[in-house]
Amino acid sequence: MRWDDGGARVDAVSVGGMETCIQVPSWKLCFDIGRCPPSAARQRIVCFTHAHVDHMGGIAHHASLRDLMGMSPPLYLVPEPYVEDVRGLLEVWRRLDRSALPAEVRAVAPGDVVEVGKGRHIEVFRAYHRIPTVGYALRRRVGRLKPELAGLPGAEIGRLRSEGVPITNEVDEVEVAFCGDTTAAVLDREALPRSAKALVLECTFLDEEGASERASRTGHVHLGALAERAQLLSEVGAVLLTHFSARYAPARIVDRLDACLPAELRRKVTPLLPEAPWR
């Protein structure tokens, strides 16, 4: 699915337990690779949230495709508890494949900042799954008109600029945030996803009986928890809901979103609906 409601284009596939890969082509990166869509090979950086197979299973295929196509080695950001095993996994594939599979594997932890270009950096925050998990925020430095100049005619602002008067302040905006697999506690405890122009958030379970208990036990979001936190998303520009369980038909997902979410939040939300192969 191609989604650009928050400004940055996102190419996404995500079905709970099956696969997740969220691409942000303008940043040349993706979040997680459960399997490796061919287009994901064009993304040099992969921000892995955790080590479940449906989020990391495509790593060797990604490295192999980039090598095959003569692209530069990928950079894999991996939560620190998994780094040595991921390096070992790639070594096993190198022996099996009889190839180099060049790749850099870098450990990250909540609070880390990874510079990826002029005015661009990736910030790591904690997520709340049943195994160690992180989320990522893509922050871009932009110039915003100084508040005291708001309301001035364009010609006057142009004159000030031509005279060398600073008319903007530099601010860091969260262009895209991705929370990986997590409970809704990520919205309670982490500021970065609450300020994103585009938030990619899982919602594995809807609102049927027992959904809350299953979400808590397995470390996922359920629809009721999201509805309860609508106010926390008031500053978010747009929300892509992903990772729905394959047991749900698309029509049912849309129906329950319409019924359960407050109108202001519902207008921001786009569901990434499971496609036919999973049903």
Protein backbone atom coordinates (compact mmCIF):
# COMPACT_ATOMS: atom_id res chain seq x y z
CA MET A 1 0.00 0.00 0.00
CA ARG A 2 1.25 3.51 -0.85
CA TRP A 3 0.35 6.16 1.76
CA ASP A 4 1.34 9.81 1.89
CA ASP A 5 -1.28 11.42 4.12
CA GLY A 6 1.40 12.68 6.51
CA GLY A 7 3.51 14.27 3.79
CA ALA A 8 6.25 11.65 3.38
CA ARG A 9 5.46 8.76 1.08
CA VAL A 10 5.25 5.39 2.83
CA ASP A 11 5.08 2.02 1.05
CA ALA A 12 3.77 -0.53 3.50
CA VAL A 13 2.91 -4.17 3.96
CA SER A 14 2.03 -5.47 7.40
CA VAL A 15 -0.08 -8.40 8.60
CA GLY A 16 0.20 -9.55 12.20
CA GLY A 17 2.39 -12.65 12.50
CA MET A 18 2.99 -12.79 8.73
CA GLU A 19 5.23 -9.92 7.62
CA THR A 20 5.95 -6.25 8.13
CA CYS A 21 8.01 -3.94 5.92
CA ILE A 22 7.45 -0.18 5.99
CA GLN A 23 9.45 1.74 3.37
CA VAL A 24 10.16 5.49 3.36
CA PRO A 25 11.80 6.00 -0.06
CA SER A 26 12.66 9.69 0.45
CA TRP A 27 14.89 8.60 3.35
CA LYS A 28 16.22 5.50 1.54
CA LEU A 29 15.22 3.37 4.50
CA CYS A 30 12.64 0.96 5.75
CA PHE A 31 11.41 -0.22 9.10
CA ASP A 32 11.67 -4.01 9.49
CA ILE A 33 11.82 -6.65 6.77
CA GLY A 34 9.74 -9.69 7.60
CA ARG A 35 10.01 -10.72 3.99
CA CYS A 36 11.82 -8.65 1.39
CA PRO A 37 9.66 -7.00 -1.27
CA PRO A 38 11.89 -6.34 -4.30
CA SER A 39 11.42 -2.59 -3.90
CA ALA A 40 12.87 -2.76 -0.37
CA ALA A 41 16.28 -3.58 -1.84
CA ARG A 42 16.47 0.07 -2.93
CA GLN A 43 16.40 1.19 0.72
CA ARG A 44 19.92 1.24 2.15
CA ILE A 45 19.05 1.62 5.84
CA VAL A 46 16.84 -0.85 7.68
CA CYS A 47 15.65 0.09 11.16
CA PHE A 48 14.80 -3.16 12.92
CA THR A 49 12.47 -2.92 15.89
CA HIS A 50 12.83 -6.45 17.27
CA ALA A 51 13.83 -9.98 16.28
CA HIS A 52 10.55 -11.74 15.54
CA VAL A 53 10.65 -13.54 12.19
CA ASP A 54 7.77 -11.55 10.70
CA HIS A 55 9.85 -8.39 11.25
CA MET A 56 13.40 -9.62 10.60
CA GLY A 57 13.11 -12.75 8.48
CA GLY A 58 14.04 -11.01 5.19
CA ILE A 59 17.39 -9.60 6.30
CA ALA A 60 19.61 -12.01 4.35
CA HIS A 61 17.48 -11.63 1.22
CA HIS A 62 17.81 -7.84 1.48
CA ALA A 63 21.60 -8.00 1.80
CA SER A 64 21.78 -10.47 -1.08
CA LEU A 65 19.63 -8.37 -3.43
CA ARG A 66 21.68 -5.24 -2.82
CA ASP A 67 24.88 -7.18 -3.45
CA LEU A 68 23.43 -8.76 -6.60
CA MET A 69 22.46 -5.36 -8.00
CA GLY A 70 25.82 -3.76 -7.22
CA MET A 71 24.41 -1.41 -4.60
CA SER A 72 26.30 -0.12 -1.57
CA PRO A 73 26.24 -2.32 1.55
CA PRO A 74 23.16 -1.81 3.73
CA LEU A 75 23.18 -0.37 7.22
CA TYR A 76 21.14 -2.40 9.70
CA LEU A 77 20.13 -0.68 12.93
CA VAL A 78 19.43 -3.45 15.42
CA PRO A 79 18.36 -3.26 19.09
CA GLU A 80 21.44 -3.97 21.18
CA PRO A 81 20.25 -7.29 22.71
CA TYR A 82 20.12 -8.88 19.24
CA VAL A 83 23.23 -7.50 17.56
CA GLU A 84 25.63 -10.41 18.05
CA ASP A 85 23.04 -12.97 16.98
CA VAL A 86 22.16 -10.93 13.88
CA ARG A 87 25.84 -10.73 12.95
CA GLY A 88 26.08 -14.47 13.51
CA LEU A 89 22.99 -15.07 11.37
CA LEU A 90 24.54 -13.17 8.47
CA GLU A 91 27.77 -15.14 8.89
CA VAL A 92 25.81 -18.39 8.60
CA TRP A 93 24.17 -17.15 5.40
CA ARG A 94 27.56 -16.13 4.00
CA ARG A 95 28.81 -19.67 4.50
CA LEU A 96 25.65 -21.21 3.05
CA ASP A 97 25.47 -18.81 0.10
CA ARG A 98 29.22 -18.78 -0.60
CA SER A 99 29.03 -15.00 -0.94
CA ALA A 100 30.15 -11.89 0.92
CA LEU A 101 26.73 -10.40 1.73
CA PRO A 102 28.37 -7.11 2.76
CA ALA A 103 26.43 -5.26 5.46
CA GLU A 104 27.02 -3.06 8.50
CA VAL A 105 25.15 -4.08 11.64
CA ARG A 106 24.99 -1.30 14.23
CA ALA A 107 23.59 -1.61 17.75
CA VAL A 108 21.03 0.97 18.90
CA ALA A 109 19.21 1.63 22.16
CA PRO A 110 16.50 4.04 23.31
CA GLY A 111 17.83 7.59 23.30
CA ASP A 112 20.33 7.02 20.49
CA VAL A 113 20.52 9.46 17.57
CA VAL A 114 21.83 8.32 14.18
CA GLU A 115 22.80 11.06 11.72
CA VAL A 116 21.89 10.08 8.15
CA GLY A 117 22.41 13.26 6.16
CA LYS A 118 22.34 17.03 6.32
CA GLY A 119 19.50 18.05 8.61
CA ARG A 120 18.28 14.44 8.98
CA HIS A 121 18.62 12.04 11.85
CA ILE A 122 16.96 8.95 13.27
CA GLU A 123 16.02 8.91 16.96
CA VAL A 124 15.42 5.68 18.82
CA PHE A 125 12.73 5.33 21.48
CA ARG A 126 11.46 2.48 23.59
CA ALA A 127 8.49 0.34 22.55
CA TYR A 128 6.61 -2.09 24.79
CA HIS A 129 6.38 -5.55 23.26
CA ARG A 130 6.87 -8.95 24.93
CA ILE A 131 10.55 -8.99 23.90
CA PRO A 132 12.98 -6.04 23.79
CA THR A 133 11.73 -3.64 21.12
CA VAL A 134 12.45 -0.10 19.96
CA GLY A 135 10.69 2.43 17.76
CA TYR A 136 12.19 5.03 15.45
CA ALA A 137 11.48 8.68 14.65
CA LEU A 138 12.76 10.32 11.46
CA ARG A 139 13.53 13.94 12.30
CA ARG A 140 14.27 16.64 9.75
CA ARG A 141 15.58 20.14 10.46
CA VAL A 142 13.44 22.74 8.73
CA GLY A 143 13.07 26.50 8.77
CA ARG A 144 9.80 27.90 10.11
CA LEU A 145 8.73 31.53 9.89
CA LYS A 146 9.37 33.34 13.16
CA PRO A 147 6.14 33.76 15.13
CA GLU A 148 6.56 37.52 15.37
CA LEU A 149 6.49 37.75 11.57
CA ALA A 150 3.30 35.76 11.13
CA GLY A 151 0.64 37.80 9.39
CA LEU A 152 3.02 40.13 7.58
CA PRO A 153 2.41 40.52 3.83
CA GLY A 154 4.59 38.38 1.63
CA ALA A 155 6.23 41.43 0.10
CA GLU A 156 7.30 42.66 3.53
CA ILE A 157 8.75 39.28 4.44
CA GLY A 158 10.59 39.25 1.11
CA ARG A 159 12.02 42.69 1.83
CA LEU A 160 13.30 41.57 5.24
CA ARG A 161 14.90 38.51 3.67
CA SER A 162 16.60 40.60 1.00
CA GLU A 163 18.00 42.87 3.72
CA GLY A 164 19.54 39.88 5.45
CA VAL A 165 17.12 39.84 8.38
CA PRO A 166 16.65 36.27 9.71
CA ILE A 167 13.01 35.38 9.15
CA THR A 168 12.98 31.71 10.19
CA ASN A 169 13.84 29.55 13.17
CA GLU A 170 15.31 26.11 12.65
CA VAL A 171 13.25 23.36 14.23
CA ASP A 172 13.44 19.57 14.19
CA GLU A 173 10.20 17.97 13.06
CA VAL A 174 9.29 14.30 13.36
CA GLU A 175 8.47 13.48 9.76
CA VAL A 176 7.65 9.80 10.35
CA ALA A 177 7.53 7.67 13.49
CA PHE A 178 7.23 3.89 13.60
CA CYS A 179 6.51 2.08 16.84
CA GLY A 180 7.01 -1.53 15.78
CA ASP A 181 5.12 -4.12 17.83
CA THR A 182 4.04 -2.53 21.09
CA THR A 183 1.26 -1.98 23.55
CA ALA A 184 -0.49 1.37 23.67
CA ALA A 185 1.84 2.32 26.54
CA VAL A 186 4.15 3.72 23.86
CA LEU A 187 1.71 6.61 23.46
CA ASP A 188 1.58 7.20 27.21
CA ARG A 189 5.33 7.18 27.77
CA GLU A 190 7.08 8.29 24.57
CA ALA A 191 6.87 11.84 23.25
CA LEU A 192 8.29 11.28 19.75
CA PRO A 193 5.38 9.32 18.24
CA ARG A 194 2.90 11.84 19.67
CA SER A 195 4.50 14.67 17.68
CA ALA A 196 4.89 12.91 14.31
CA LYS A 197 3.50 14.34 11.10
CA ALA A 198 2.99 10.72 10.03
CA LEU A 199 2.66 7.96 12.64
CA VAL A 200 2.79 4.28 11.68
CA LEU A 201 1.22 2.39 14.57
CA GLU A 202 0.20 -1.21 14.95
CA CYS A 203 -3.34 -2.23 15.92
CA THR A 204 -3.27 -6.02 15.98
CA PHE A 205 -6.62 -6.56 17.70
CA LEU A 206 -10.01 -4.91 17.30
CA ASP A 207 -12.64 -4.70 20.05
CA GLU A 208 -14.13 -8.18 20.36
CA GLU A 209 -14.43 -9.89 23.72
CA GLY A 210 -11.01 -10.80 25.06
CA ALA A 211 -9.11 -8.44 22.75
CA SER A 212 -7.77 -6.35 25.62
CA GLU A 213 -6.44 -9.40 27.46
CA ARG A 214 -4.80 -10.84 24.34
CA ALA A 215 -3.21 -7.50 23.50
CA SER A 216 -1.78 -7.20 27.00
CA ARG A 217 -0.50 -10.79 27.02
CA THR A 218 1.15 -10.62 23.59
CA GLY A 219 2.35 -7.01 23.69
CA HIS A 220 0.14 -5.40 21.07
CA VAL A 221 -2.34 -2.54 20.61
CA HIS A 222 -6.07 -3.17 20.60
CA LEU A 223 -8.62 -0.76 19.20
CA GLY A 224 -10.17 0.16 22.54
CA ALA A 225 -6.80 1.26 23.93
CA LEU A 226 -6.28 3.45 20.90
CA ALA A 227 -9.70 5.06 21.24
CA GLU A 228 -8.99 5.82 24.90
CA ARG A 229 -5.81 7.68 23.89
CA ALA A 230 -7.30 9.81 21.13
CA GLN A 231 -6.31 13.02 22.90
CA LEU A 232 -2.66 11.92 22.96
CA LEU A 233 -2.76 11.89 19.15
CA SER A 234 -4.17 15.39 18.78
CA GLU A 235 -0.85 16.78 17.48
CA VAL A 236 -0.20 13.90 15.07
CA GLY A 237 -0.81 14.78 11.44
CA ALA A 238 -1.94 11.38 10.14
CA VAL A 239 -1.96 7.78 11.37
CA LEU A 240 -1.41 4.58 9.39
CA LEU A 241 -2.74 1.62 11.38
CA THR A 242 -0.93 -1.61 10.57
CA HIS A 243 -0.35 -5.21 11.70
CA PHE A 244 -4.03 -6.19 11.92
CA SER A 245 -4.54 -9.85 12.63
CA ALA A 246 -5.13 -11.88 9.47
CA ARG A 247 -8.32 -13.20 11.05
CA TYR A 248 -10.09 -9.91 10.32
CA ALA A 249 -11.80 -9.21 7.02
CA PRO A 250 -11.10 -5.71 5.64
CA ALA A 251 -14.77 -4.69 5.85
CA ARG A 252 -14.86 -5.60 9.52
CA ILE A 253 -11.77 -3.52 10.26
CA VAL A 254 -13.25 -0.45 8.60
CA ASP A 255 -16.59 -0.97 10.36
CA ARG A 256 -14.98 -1.19 13.81
CA LEU A 257 -12.76 1.83 13.22
CA ASP A 258 -15.84 3.83 12.24
CA ALA A 259 -17.71 2.64 15.32
CA CYS A 260 -14.98 2.92 17.95
CA LEU A 261 -12.76 5.87 17.16
CA PRO A 262 -13.71 9.46 18.00
CA ALA A 263 -14.52 11.39 14.83
CA GLU A 264 -11.47 13.68 15.00
CA LEU A 265 -9.10 10.72 15.28
CA ARG A 266 -10.97 8.65 12.71
CA ARG A 267 -10.43 11.38 10.11
CA LYS A 268 -6.67 11.01 10.60
CA VAL A 269 -6.58 7.23 10.42
CA THR A 270 -5.92 5.05 7.38
CA PRO A 271 -6.00 1.27 7.95
CA LEU A 272 -3.49 -0.95 6.17
CA LEU A 273 -5.95 -3.70 5.30
CA PRO A 274 -4.91 -7.36 5.05
CA GLU A 275 -4.93 -8.56 1.46
CA ALA A 276 -6.45 -11.75 0.04
CA PRO A 277 -3.36 -14.03 0.25
CA TRP A 278 -3.63 -14.02 4.04
CA ARG A 279 -7.26 -15.12 4.10
